Amino acid sequence: PVIVFTDIGKDVDDVFALVVLACLKRMFILNPLAVIATLSPQDERARLARVVLDSLGLPDVPVCIGTDGGSKDLVEMHCFDNEQHLLNLPYGSVLIPRILKDAEPKSV
């Protein structure tokens, strides 16, 4: 099992990582428990991660909104300007404790 933390949307490497994650899941090598989008604007990054995972055939992998990473910079992403209401994603601070509690000891 693995939990992925990502700042998707900043560079292309995070999308590549999710593609590799999808391949490894299909090969039964990794079991992704969640993807957490961090770094401001973390809500937009989470929406982007959700869309990427859905397009890779991983709609069952939860996506959560993480922290702003301590960033004081105002970063704007305009991926979903008019569609913010379409993807209501949970916060990682809510989901991660539940995932860790339900996981086998020393498995994550």
N, C-alpha and C. Protein backbone atom coordinates (compact mmCIF):
# COMPACT_ATOMS: atom_id res chain seq x y z
N PRO A 1 0.82 -1.20 0.00
CA PRO A 1 0.00 0.00 0.00
C PRO A 1 0.86 1.26 0.00
N VAL A 2 0.36 2.29 -0.66
CA VAL A 2 1.12 3.54 -0.75
C VAL A 2 0.15 4.72 -0.74
N ILE A 3 0.58 5.80 -0.09
CA ILE A 3 -0.11 7.08 -0.15
C ILE A 3 0.81 8.03 -0.89
N VAL A 4 0.29 8.69 -1.91
CA VAL A 4 1.10 9.57 -2.75
C VAL A 4 0.79 11.02 -2.39
N PHE A 5 1.83 11.80 -2.14
CA PHE A 5 1.72 13.24 -1.95
C PHE A 5 2.28 13.90 -3.19
N THR A 6 1.54 14.86 -3.75
CA THR A 6 1.93 15.44 -5.02
C THR A 6 1.62 16.93 -5.08
N ASP A 7 2.43 17.65 -5.83
CA ASP A 7 2.13 19.05 -6.14
C ASP A 7 1.82 19.15 -7.64
N ILE A 8 0.99 18.23 -8.09
CA ILE A 8 0.62 18.13 -9.51
C ILE A 8 0.21 19.50 -10.06
N GLY A 9 0.58 19.74 -11.30
CA GLY A 9 0.26 21.00 -11.94
C GLY A 9 1.42 21.97 -11.93
N LYS A 10 2.43 21.69 -11.13
CA LYS A 10 3.61 22.55 -11.07
C LYS A 10 4.59 22.18 -12.18
N ASP A 11 4.81 20.89 -12.33
CA ASP A 11 5.69 20.33 -13.35
C ASP A 11 5.04 19.06 -13.89
N VAL A 12 5.53 18.59 -15.01
CA VAL A 12 4.95 17.40 -15.65
C VAL A 12 5.32 16.11 -14.91
N ASP A 13 6.33 16.14 -14.05
CA ASP A 13 6.78 14.92 -13.38
C ASP A 13 5.69 14.26 -12.54
N ASP A 14 4.80 15.04 -11.98
CA ASP A 14 3.75 14.46 -11.14
C ASP A 14 2.74 13.68 -11.96
N VAL A 15 2.43 14.14 -13.15
CA VAL A 15 1.54 13.39 -14.03
C VAL A 15 2.21 12.09 -14.43
N PHE A 16 3.51 12.15 -14.75
CA PHE A 16 4.24 10.92 -15.08
C PHE A 16 4.21 9.95 -13.91
N ALA A 17 4.35 10.46 -12.70
CA ALA A 17 4.32 9.60 -11.51
C ALA A 17 2.97 8.90 -11.38
N LEU A 18 1.88 9.61 -11.67
CA LEU A 18 0.56 8.99 -11.60
C LEU A 18 0.36 7.95 -12.70
N VAL A 19 0.96 8.18 -13.86
CA VAL A 19 0.91 7.17 -14.94
C VAL A 19 1.64 5.91 -14.49
N VAL A 20 2.81 6.08 -13.89
CA VAL A 20 3.56 4.93 -13.38
C VAL A 20 2.77 4.23 -12.27
N LEU A 21 2.14 5.02 -11.41
CA LEU A 21 1.32 4.45 -10.34
C LEU A 21 0.21 3.58 -10.92
N ALA A 22 -0.45 4.07 -11.97
CA ALA A 22 -1.52 3.29 -12.60
C ALA A 22 -0.98 1.99 -13.17
N CYS A 23 0.17 2.04 -13.80
CA CYS A 23 0.79 0.82 -14.36
C CYS A 23 1.14 -0.17 -13.26
N LEU A 24 1.73 0.32 -12.19
CA LEU A 24 2.13 -0.56 -11.09
C LEU A 24 0.91 -1.16 -10.39
N LYS A 25 -0.17 -0.42 -10.34
CA LYS A 25 -1.40 -0.98 -9.76
C LYS A 25 -1.93 -2.11 -10.64
N ARG A 26 -1.92 -1.88 -11.95
CA ARG A 26 -2.42 -2.92 -12.87
C ARG A 26 -1.55 -4.18 -12.83
N MET A 27 -0.28 -4.00 -12.49
CA MET A 27 0.64 -5.14 -12.39
C MET A 27 0.61 -5.76 -10.98
N PHE A 28 -0.26 -5.26 -10.11
CA PHE A 28 -0.41 -5.73 -8.73
C PHE A 28 0.88 -5.58 -7.93
N ILE A 29 1.65 -4.54 -8.24
CA ILE A 29 2.89 -4.26 -7.52
C ILE A 29 2.64 -3.25 -6.40
N LEU A 30 1.80 -2.25 -6.67
CA LEU A 30 1.45 -1.25 -5.67
C LEU A 30 -0.06 -1.17 -5.52
N ASN A 31 -0.47 -0.82 -4.31
CA ASN A 31 -1.89 -0.59 -4.03
C ASN A 31 -2.03 0.84 -3.53
N PRO A 32 -2.38 1.78 -4.40
CA PRO A 32 -2.52 3.18 -3.95
C PRO A 32 -3.75 3.35 -3.07
N LEU A 33 -3.52 3.85 -1.87
CA LEU A 33 -4.62 4.06 -0.92
C LEU A 33 -5.22 5.45 -1.05
N ALA A 34 -4.39 6.43 -1.48
CA ALA A 34 -4.87 7.80 -1.64
C ALA A 34 -3.80 8.63 -2.33
N VAL A 35 -4.26 9.72 -2.93
CA VAL A 35 -3.37 10.73 -3.49
C VAL A 35 -3.73 12.04 -2.81
N ILE A 36 -2.73 12.70 -2.23
CA ILE A 36 -2.94 13.95 -1.52
C ILE A 36 -2.25 15.07 -2.30
N ALA A 37 -3.01 16.08 -2.68
CA ALA A 37 -2.47 17.21 -3.42
C ALA A 37 -2.08 18.32 -2.45
N THR A 38 -0.82 18.73 -2.52
CA THR A 38 -0.32 19.76 -1.62
C THR A 38 0.24 20.93 -2.42
N LEU A 39 0.54 21.98 -1.74
CA LEU A 39 1.13 23.21 -2.26
C LEU A 39 0.04 24.07 -2.90
N SER A 40 -0.06 25.28 -2.43
CA SER A 40 -1.09 26.21 -2.88
C SER A 40 -1.05 26.39 -4.39
N PRO A 41 -2.19 26.34 -5.05
CA PRO A 41 -3.57 26.14 -4.60
C PRO A 41 -3.91 24.65 -4.54
N GLN A 42 -3.87 24.10 -3.37
CA GLN A 42 -4.01 22.65 -3.18
C GLN A 42 -5.37 22.11 -3.60
N ASP A 43 -6.41 22.91 -3.52
CA ASP A 43 -7.72 22.43 -3.95
C ASP A 43 -7.76 22.25 -5.47
N GLU A 44 -7.15 23.17 -6.20
CA GLU A 44 -7.09 23.04 -7.66
C GLU A 44 -6.20 21.86 -8.05
N ARG A 45 -5.10 21.69 -7.34
CA ARG A 45 -4.21 20.56 -7.62
C ARG A 45 -4.93 19.23 -7.37
N ALA A 46 -5.74 19.18 -6.32
CA ALA A 46 -6.50 17.96 -6.02
C ALA A 46 -7.50 17.66 -7.14
N ARG A 47 -8.16 18.69 -7.64
CA ARG A 47 -9.10 18.47 -8.75
C ARG A 47 -8.36 17.95 -9.98
N LEU A 48 -7.20 18.51 -10.25
CA LEU A 48 -6.40 18.05 -11.39
C LEU A 48 -5.98 16.59 -11.19
N ALA A 49 -5.55 16.24 -9.99
CA ALA A 49 -5.17 14.85 -9.71
C ALA A 49 -6.36 13.91 -9.91
N ARG A 50 -7.55 14.34 -9.48
CA ARG A 50 -8.75 13.51 -9.65
C ARG A 50 -9.02 13.25 -11.12
N VAL A 51 -8.93 14.29 -11.94
CA VAL A 51 -9.18 14.15 -13.38
C VAL A 51 -8.14 13.23 -14.01
N VAL A 52 -6.87 13.39 -13.63
CA VAL A 52 -5.81 12.54 -14.20
C VAL A 52 -6.03 11.08 -13.80
N LEU A 53 -6.31 10.83 -12.52
CA LEU A 53 -6.53 9.45 -12.08
C LEU A 53 -7.75 8.83 -12.76
N ASP A 54 -8.81 9.61 -12.91
CA ASP A 54 -9.99 9.10 -13.60
C ASP A 54 -9.66 8.73 -15.05
N SER A 55 -8.87 9.57 -15.71
CA SER A 55 -8.52 9.29 -17.10
C SER A 55 -7.59 8.09 -17.22
N LEU A 56 -6.89 7.76 -16.14
CA LEU A 56 -6.01 6.59 -16.14
C LEU A 56 -6.73 5.32 -15.67
N GLY A 57 -8.03 5.43 -15.44
CA GLY A 57 -8.80 4.27 -15.01
C GLY A 57 -8.69 3.96 -13.53
N LEU A 58 -8.40 4.99 -12.72
CA LEU A 58 -8.28 4.79 -11.28
C LEU A 58 -9.30 5.64 -10.50
N PRO A 59 -10.58 5.51 -10.84
CA PRO A 59 -11.58 6.31 -10.11
C PRO A 59 -11.77 5.87 -8.67
N ASP A 60 -11.26 4.68 -8.32
CA ASP A 60 -11.42 4.15 -6.98
C ASP A 60 -10.36 4.66 -6.00
N VAL A 61 -9.32 5.34 -6.50
CA VAL A 61 -8.27 5.87 -5.63
C VAL A 61 -8.73 7.24 -5.12
N PRO A 62 -8.89 7.37 -3.81
CA PRO A 62 -9.34 8.66 -3.27
C PRO A 62 -8.30 9.76 -3.48
N VAL A 63 -8.78 10.96 -3.75
CA VAL A 63 -7.93 12.14 -3.86
C VAL A 63 -8.36 13.11 -2.78
N CYS A 64 -7.38 13.67 -2.07
CA CYS A 64 -7.67 14.59 -0.98
C CYS A 64 -6.92 15.90 -1.16
N ILE A 65 -7.44 16.91 -0.50
CA ILE A 65 -6.79 18.22 -0.47
C ILE A 65 -5.84 18.25 0.71
N GLY A 66 -4.57 18.50 0.42
CA GLY A 66 -3.56 18.59 1.47
C GLY A 66 -3.37 20.01 1.95
N THR A 67 -2.17 20.29 2.44
CA THR A 67 -1.87 21.62 2.96
C THR A 67 -1.31 22.51 1.87
N ASP A 68 -1.16 23.78 2.18
CA ASP A 68 -0.58 24.72 1.22
C ASP A 68 0.94 24.60 1.19
N GLY A 69 1.50 23.75 2.00
CA GLY A 69 2.95 23.53 2.02
C GLY A 69 3.72 24.70 2.60
N GLY A 70 3.02 25.57 3.30
CA GLY A 70 3.68 26.74 3.88
C GLY A 70 3.92 27.85 2.88
N SER A 71 3.39 27.67 1.68
CA SER A 71 3.61 28.66 0.62
C SER A 71 2.88 29.96 0.93
N LYS A 72 3.59 31.04 0.82
CA LYS A 72 2.98 32.37 1.00
C LYS A 72 2.70 33.02 -0.35
N ASP A 73 3.16 32.37 -1.42
CA ASP A 73 2.96 32.91 -2.76
C ASP A 73 1.54 32.62 -3.23
N LEU A 74 0.95 33.58 -3.89
CA LEU A 74 -0.36 33.37 -4.48
C LEU A 74 -0.16 32.78 -5.87
N VAL A 75 -0.46 31.51 -5.99
CA VAL A 75 -0.33 30.81 -7.26
C VAL A 75 -1.73 30.55 -7.77
N GLU A 76 -1.96 30.87 -9.01
CA GLU A 76 -3.28 30.65 -9.58
C GLU A 76 -3.22 29.59 -10.65
N MET A 77 -4.15 28.68 -10.59
CA MET A 77 -4.33 27.69 -11.65
C MET A 77 -5.74 27.90 -12.17
N HIS A 78 -5.91 27.82 -13.45
CA HIS A 78 -7.22 28.09 -14.03
C HIS A 78 -7.76 26.85 -14.75
N CYS A 79 -7.53 25.69 -14.17
CA CYS A 79 -7.99 24.45 -14.78
C CYS A 79 -9.50 24.32 -14.72
N PHE A 80 -10.08 24.75 -13.62
CA PHE A 80 -11.49 24.49 -13.36
C PHE A 80 -12.22 25.74 -12.89
N ASP A 81 -11.94 26.86 -13.49
CA ASP A 81 -12.51 28.12 -13.04
C ASP A 81 -14.02 28.09 -12.84
N ASN A 82 -14.74 27.50 -13.77
CA ASN A 82 -16.20 27.52 -13.69
C ASN A 82 -16.81 26.21 -13.23
N GLU A 83 -15.97 25.28 -12.79
CA GLU A 83 -16.47 23.95 -12.45
C GLU A 83 -16.07 23.51 -11.06
N GLN A 84 -15.76 24.43 -10.18
CA GLN A 84 -15.28 24.06 -8.85
C GLN A 84 -16.30 23.24 -8.07
N HIS A 85 -17.55 23.45 -8.33
CA HIS A 85 -18.59 22.74 -7.59
C HIS A 85 -18.71 21.27 -8.01
N LEU A 86 -18.11 20.89 -9.13
CA LEU A 86 -18.27 19.53 -9.64
C LEU A 86 -17.47 18.49 -8.88
N LEU A 87 -16.39 18.90 -8.26
CA LEU A 87 -15.53 17.95 -7.56
C LEU A 87 -15.38 18.37 -6.11
N ASN A 88 -16.14 17.78 -5.24
CA ASN A 88 -16.01 18.04 -3.82
C ASN A 88 -15.11 16.97 -3.24
N LEU A 89 -13.89 17.35 -2.90
CA LEU A 89 -12.89 16.39 -2.43
C LEU A 89 -12.66 16.58 -0.94
N PRO A 90 -12.39 15.47 -0.24
CA PRO A 90 -12.15 15.57 1.21
C PRO A 90 -10.75 16.12 1.50
N TYR A 91 -10.55 16.51 2.73
CA TYR A 91 -9.24 16.97 3.16
C TYR A 91 -8.42 15.78 3.64
N GLY A 92 -7.14 15.80 3.34
CA GLY A 92 -6.24 14.72 3.73
C GLY A 92 -6.19 14.52 5.23
N SER A 93 -6.35 15.60 5.98
CA SER A 93 -6.31 15.51 7.44
C SER A 93 -7.47 14.67 7.99
N VAL A 94 -8.50 14.48 7.18
CA VAL A 94 -9.63 13.65 7.58
C VAL A 94 -9.42 12.21 7.09
N LEU A 95 -8.99 12.05 5.85
CA LEU A 95 -8.89 10.72 5.26
C LEU A 95 -7.66 9.94 5.70
N ILE A 96 -6.51 10.59 5.82
CA ILE A 96 -5.28 9.86 6.12
C ILE A 96 -5.35 9.12 7.46
N PRO A 97 -5.82 9.73 8.54
CA PRO A 97 -5.91 8.95 9.79
C PRO A 97 -6.77 7.70 9.64
N ARG A 98 -7.85 7.80 8.89
CA ARG A 98 -8.72 6.63 8.68
C ARG A 98 -8.00 5.56 7.88
N ILE A 99 -7.28 5.96 6.82
CA ILE A 99 -6.53 4.99 6.01
C ILE A 99 -5.48 4.29 6.86
N LEU A 100 -4.75 5.06 7.64
CA LEU A 100 -3.69 4.47 8.46
C LEU A 100 -4.25 3.56 9.55
N LYS A 101 -5.39 3.94 10.10
CA LYS A 101 -6.02 3.10 11.13
C LYS A 101 -6.48 1.77 10.56
N ASP A 102 -7.00 1.79 9.32
CA ASP A 102 -7.52 0.58 8.70
C ASP A 102 -6.45 -0.29 8.06
N ALA A 103 -5.24 0.25 7.87
CA ALA A 103 -4.17 -0.50 7.20
C ALA A 103 -3.56 -1.54 8.13
N GLU A 104 -3.05 -2.58 7.51
CA GLU A 104 -2.30 -3.58 8.27
C GLU A 104 -1.07 -2.92 8.91
N PRO A 105 -0.67 -3.36 10.10
CA PRO A 105 0.50 -2.77 10.74
C PRO A 105 1.74 -2.82 9.83
N LYS A 106 2.44 -1.70 9.76
CA LYS A 106 3.68 -1.56 9.00
C LYS A 106 3.52 -1.82 7.51
N SER A 107 2.31 -1.61 6.98
CA SER A 107 2.09 -1.91 5.57
C SER A 107 2.11 -0.65 4.69
N VAL A 108 1.97 0.51 5.28
CA VAL A 108 1.92 1.75 4.48
C VAL A 108 3.21 2.50 4.66
